[in-house]
Protein backbone atom coordinates (compact mmCIF):
# COMPACT_ATOMS: atom_id res chain seq x y z
CA UNK A 1 -34.63 19.72 43.12
CA UNK A 2 -36.83 16.87 44.34
CA UNK A 3 -35.67 15.33 47.64
CA UNK A 4 -36.08 11.86 46.14
CA UNK A 5 -33.14 12.65 43.84
CA UNK A 6 -30.89 13.76 46.70
CA UNK A 7 -28.74 11.66 49.03
CA UNK A 8 -29.71 11.83 52.69
CA UNK A 9 -27.09 11.74 55.45
CA UNK A 10 -28.41 11.37 58.99
CA UNK A 11 -26.86 11.89 62.42
CA UNK A 12 -28.56 9.30 64.61
CA UNK A 13 -28.26 9.64 68.37
CA UNK A 14 -27.40 5.92 68.76
CA UNK A 15 -25.69 4.76 65.59
CA UNK A 16 -23.70 7.82 64.55
CA UNK A 17 -23.82 8.98 60.93
CA UNK A 18 -25.93 6.92 58.51
CA UNK A 19 -26.92 7.06 54.84
CA UNK A 20 -30.52 7.08 53.64
CA UNK A 21 -32.29 5.66 56.69
CA UNK A 22 -32.91 6.61 60.26
CA UNK A 23 -34.26 9.48 62.28
CA UNK A 24 -32.31 12.45 63.46
CA UNK A 25 -30.61 15.57 62.11
CA UNK A 26 -30.38 15.26 58.32
CA UNK A 27 -28.46 16.82 55.48
CA UNK A 28 -29.20 16.36 51.78
CA UNK A 29 -26.59 16.21 49.02
CA UNK A 30 -27.06 16.44 45.30
CA UNK A 31 -25.50 13.44 43.51
CA UNK A 32 -22.97 15.41 41.44
CA UNK A 33 -19.20 15.44 41.69
CA UNK A 34 -19.06 19.22 42.05
CA UNK A 35 -21.48 19.13 45.01
CA UNK A 36 -19.53 16.37 46.71
CA UNK A 37 -16.22 18.20 46.25
CA UNK A 38 -17.72 21.40 47.64
CA UNK A 39 -19.08 19.48 50.60
CA UNK A 40 -15.63 18.05 51.39
CA UNK A 41 -13.79 21.31 50.89
CA UNK A 42 -16.08 23.44 53.04
CA UNK A 43 -16.97 20.67 55.55
CA UNK A 44 -20.64 21.26 54.94
CA UNK A 45 -21.78 17.87 56.24
CA UNK A 46 -19.97 18.39 59.52
CA UNK A 47 -21.55 21.83 59.88
CA UNK A 48 -25.06 20.68 58.93
CA UNK A 49 -24.99 17.58 61.15
CA UNK A 50 -23.05 19.33 63.94
CA UNK A 51 -20.67 16.39 64.34
CA UNK A 52 -17.62 14.79 62.78
CA UNK A 53 -18.46 12.68 59.74
CA UNK A 54 -16.46 9.42 59.60
CA UNK A 55 -14.22 8.74 56.61
CA UNK A 56 -16.25 5.59 55.94
CA UNK A 57 -19.34 7.70 55.22
CA UNK A 58 -17.40 10.02 52.91
CA UNK A 59 -15.91 6.99 51.12
CA UNK A 60 -19.39 5.48 50.73
CA UNK A 61 -20.62 8.71 49.14
CA UNK A 62 -17.68 8.72 46.71
CA UNK A 63 -18.33 5.07 45.84
CA UNK A 64 -22.01 5.79 45.27
CA UNK A 65 -21.08 8.67 42.96
CA UNK A 66 -18.68 6.52 40.93
CA UNK A 67 -21.32 3.77 40.60
CA UNK A 68 -23.90 6.27 39.46
CA UNK A 69 -21.45 7.73 36.93
CA UNK A 70 -20.68 4.26 35.55
CA UNK A 71 -24.38 3.41 35.27
CA UNK A 72 -25.14 6.61 33.40
CA UNK A 73 -22.19 6.00 31.05
CA UNK A 74 -23.45 2.48 30.32
CA UNK A 75 -26.95 3.78 29.63
CA UNK A 76 -25.62 6.16 26.97
């Protein structure tokens, strides 16, 4: 899968955990519900970034997924 289609989560040494921008340790997620659920269940972001991921970041990913789902439903 092309990286441009994936969501990037970054652990920045100053600002903590960010989405899409910044430099630091990164993890990529596919924008599907099953991938997001698997990530939560197995704590894959925490393991990949080697830090705790704030609930705000997880909520932002869920919101992004729901927006993407709504947009694709409207397009069809």
